[in-house]
Amino acid sequence: MPTAINVGLTDSNVPDGQAGVEKAATMLLGMLAGADAYGGMGISGADQGFNIAQLVIDDEIIAYLKRKIKGGEESGETLAFKVIKEVGIGGSFFSMDHNLQHFRKELWFPTIFERLGWEVWEQSGSMDLLERAGEKAEKIILQQKEEEINKDLVEEIDTIYATAEKCLVLKR
């Protein structure tokens, strides 16, 4: 049964190091407790504000933590005892077909966390995490297609709203 929990909270008013530590720590505890849906995403300043870049960062934190909690697959196939015996002491596993078939499943590839070396990072614009998250958020927003609004549904919602408004005015 899906379980939602209000984690990923921070007292920091902006997406910064404090926010990252507080959010990751509480998300991790929620995940270890078995929750699979998290309610504080994108929120800053003890529930006083929302930041779209923070939402992107929170999504990255969740992906990272889920991968870490998952751990590696441990089976006869992945432990590769036959390959270990074949390679032997002092041998290299890098060129073995078995390694090529399995190692990518064990990696996690971030979308906004930094993995570039210093020089490559500088050449690519020296963007920090908040800048990368903002850029990704903008791309996501620009890729969204405007959906046609169901006019019958809008009329029904307007009718419900008008009825509720009359009831509230009469009760005052």
Protein backbone atom coordinates (compact mmCIF):
# COMPACT_ATOMS: atom_id res chain seq x y z
CA MET A 1 0.00 0.00 0.00
CA PRO A 2 1.49 3.38 -0.93
CA THR A 3 2.59 5.46 2.03
CA ALA A 4 3.02 9.24 1.93
CA ILE A 5 5.05 11.13 4.49
CA ASN A 6 5.84 14.81 4.94
CA VAL A 7 9.65 14.81 4.69
CA GLY A 8 12.14 16.80 2.67
CA LEU A 9 11.54 19.85 4.82
CA THR A 10 13.98 22.64 5.57
CA ASP A 11 14.11 25.77 7.67
CA SER A 12 16.36 27.40 5.08
CA ASN A 13 14.61 30.14 3.14
CA VAL A 14 16.51 29.43 -0.08
CA PRO A 15 17.84 26.37 -1.93
CA ASP A 16 21.29 26.18 -0.35
CA GLY A 17 23.57 23.75 1.48
CA GLN A 18 21.44 23.81 4.62
CA ALA A 19 18.34 22.98 2.57
CA GLY A 20 20.14 20.10 0.86
CA VAL A 21 21.34 18.55 4.11
CA GLU A 22 18.01 18.93 5.93
CA LYS A 23 15.96 17.69 3.01
CA ALA A 24 18.21 14.70 2.25
CA ALA A 25 18.36 13.66 5.91
CA THR A 26 14.60 13.71 6.42
CA MET A 27 13.93 12.08 3.03
CA LEU A 28 16.36 9.29 3.89
CA LEU A 29 14.65 8.66 7.22
CA GLY A 30 11.26 8.56 5.50
CA MET A 31 12.51 6.14 2.87
CA LEU A 32 14.10 3.88 5.47
CA ALA A 33 10.75 3.88 7.30
CA GLY A 34 9.14 2.54 4.12
CA ALA A 35 7.43 5.64 2.71
CA ASP A 36 7.26 5.95 -1.07
CA ALA A 37 5.65 9.37 -1.52
CA TYR A 38 7.06 12.57 -0.06
CA GLY A 39 5.17 15.78 0.68
CA GLY A 40 7.68 18.59 1.22
CA MET A 41 9.11 18.81 -2.29
CA GLY A 42 10.04 22.28 -3.50
CA ILE A 43 9.16 23.84 -0.16
CA SER A 44 11.54 26.18 1.66
CA GLY A 45 11.56 28.21 4.86
CA ALA A 46 9.57 25.84 7.10
CA ASP A 47 6.64 25.67 4.66
CA GLN A 48 6.64 29.42 3.97
CA GLY A 49 7.61 29.30 0.31
CA PHE A 50 8.03 27.24 -2.81
CA ASN A 51 10.86 27.32 -5.31
CA ILE A 52 10.68 25.50 -8.66
CA ALA A 53 14.47 25.01 -8.73
CA GLN A 54 14.25 23.46 -5.24
CA LEU A 55 11.63 21.06 -6.59
CA VAL A 56 14.09 19.91 -9.26
CA ILE A 57 16.84 19.55 -6.64
CA ASP A 58 14.49 17.56 -4.40
CA ASP A 59 13.71 15.23 -7.31
CA GLU A 60 17.44 14.64 -7.79
CA ILE A 61 17.90 13.97 -4.06
CA ILE A 62 15.09 11.41 -4.14
CA ALA A 63 16.58 9.62 -7.16
CA TYR A 64 20.01 9.56 -5.50
CA LEU A 65 18.73 8.23 -2.18
CA LYS A 66 16.50 5.61 -3.80
CA ARG A 67 19.49 4.29 -5.75
CA LYS A 68 21.66 4.18 -2.63
CA ILE A 69 18.98 2.39 -0.59
CA LYS A 70 18.39 -0.11 -3.39
CA GLY A 71 21.99 -1.25 -3.19
CA GLY A 72 23.56 -3.59 -5.70
CA GLU A 73 22.15 -6.83 -6.99
CA GLU A 74 23.74 -9.81 -5.30
CA SER A 75 23.23 -13.03 -7.19
CA GLY A 76 25.41 -15.79 -8.55
CA GLU A 77 25.34 -13.99 -11.88
CA THR A 78 26.31 -10.54 -10.58
CA LEU A 79 28.91 -11.81 -8.10
CA ALA A 80 30.57 -13.54 -11.07
CA PHE A 81 32.54 -16.24 -9.28
CA LYS A 82 33.41 -17.92 -12.60
CA VAL A 83 34.75 -14.64 -13.99
CA ILE A 84 36.78 -14.01 -10.84
CA LYS A 85 38.33 -17.45 -11.16
CA GLU A 86 38.98 -16.90 -14.88
CA VAL A 87 40.62 -13.48 -14.39
CA GLY A 88 42.66 -14.59 -11.42
CA ILE A 89 44.78 -12.66 -8.96
CA GLY A 90 46.16 -9.46 -10.46
CA GLY A 91 43.95 -9.66 -13.56
CA SER A 92 41.65 -6.96 -14.88
CA PHE A 93 37.85 -7.16 -14.99
CA PHE A 94 37.41 -4.07 -17.17
CA SER A 95 37.70 -5.91 -20.46
CA MET A 96 35.50 -8.83 -19.46
CA ASP A 97 32.15 -9.12 -21.25
CA HIS A 98 30.48 -9.88 -17.92
CA ASN A 99 31.56 -6.51 -16.53
CA LEU A 100 30.32 -4.68 -19.62
CA GLN A 101 26.94 -6.43 -19.34
CA HIS A 102 26.38 -5.57 -15.67
CA PHE A 103 28.20 -2.43 -14.54
CA ARG A 104 25.81 0.19 -16.00
CA LYS A 105 22.92 -1.28 -14.00
CA GLU A 106 24.84 -0.48 -10.84
CA LEU A 107 25.54 3.16 -11.68
CA TRP A 108 23.37 6.18 -11.00
CA PHE A 109 23.55 9.04 -13.46
CA PRO A 110 22.61 12.44 -12.02
CA THR A 111 20.80 15.03 -14.09
CA ILE A 112 21.88 18.14 -12.15
CA PHE A 113 24.43 17.03 -9.56
CA GLU A 114 28.00 17.80 -10.63
CA ARG A 115 30.28 15.03 -11.85
CA LEU A 116 32.56 17.04 -14.14
CA GLY A 117 36.19 17.74 -13.38
CA TRP A 118 37.13 21.34 -12.56
CA GLU A 119 38.37 22.30 -16.03
CA VAL A 120 35.39 20.78 -17.86
CA TRP A 121 33.03 22.44 -15.35
CA GLU A 122 34.65 25.83 -15.98
CA GLN A 123 34.49 25.37 -19.76
CA SER A 124 30.82 24.46 -19.54
CA GLY A 125 29.92 27.70 -17.72
CA SER A 126 30.80 27.07 -14.04
CA MET A 127 27.13 26.75 -13.09
CA ASP A 128 26.27 25.87 -9.50
CA LEU A 129 23.52 23.47 -8.46
CA LEU A 130 20.84 26.15 -8.18
CA GLU A 131 21.63 27.44 -11.68
CA ARG A 132 21.54 23.93 -13.16
CA ALA A 133 18.25 23.20 -11.38
CA GLY A 134 16.73 26.45 -12.63
CA GLU A 135 17.83 25.68 -16.16
CA LYS A 136 16.33 22.18 -15.99
CA ALA A 137 13.07 23.53 -14.52
CA GLU A 138 12.82 26.05 -17.37
CA LYS A 139 13.36 23.31 -19.97
CA ILE A 140 10.68 21.15 -18.36
CA ILE A 141 8.21 24.04 -18.32
CA LEU A 142 8.94 24.97 -21.93
CA GLN A 143 8.45 21.36 -23.07
CA GLN A 144 4.97 21.17 -21.58
CA LYS A 145 2.17 21.17 -24.09
CA GLU A 146 -0.91 23.15 -23.30
CA GLU A 147 -3.81 20.78 -22.95
CA GLU A 148 -7.21 21.69 -24.26
CA ILE A 149 -9.56 22.45 -21.40
CA ASN A 150 -12.76 20.44 -21.27
CA LYS A 151 -15.42 23.19 -21.42
CA ASP A 152 -18.10 20.97 -19.85
CA LEU A 153 -15.82 20.32 -16.89
CA VAL A 154 -15.09 24.04 -16.49
CA GLU A 155 -18.83 24.79 -16.46
CA GLU A 156 -19.42 22.09 -13.87
CA ILE A 157 -16.64 23.42 -11.63
CA ASP A 158 -18.02 26.96 -12.00
CA THR A 159 -21.50 25.72 -10.99
CA ILE A 160 -20.09 23.92 -7.93
CA TYR A 161 -18.12 27.04 -6.96
CA ALA A 162 -21.13 29.33 -7.36
CA THR A 163 -23.31 26.99 -5.28
CA ALA A 164 -20.67 26.75 -2.54
CA GLU A 165 -20.23 30.52 -2.54
CA LYS A 166 -24.00 31.04 -2.06
CA CYS A 167 -24.06 28.52 0.79
CA LEU A 168 -21.15 30.19 2.53
CA VAL A 169 -22.68 33.67 2.16
CA LEU A 170 -26.03 32.46 3.53
CA LYS A 171 -24.37 30.85 6.58
CA ARG A 172 -22.48 33.97 7.57
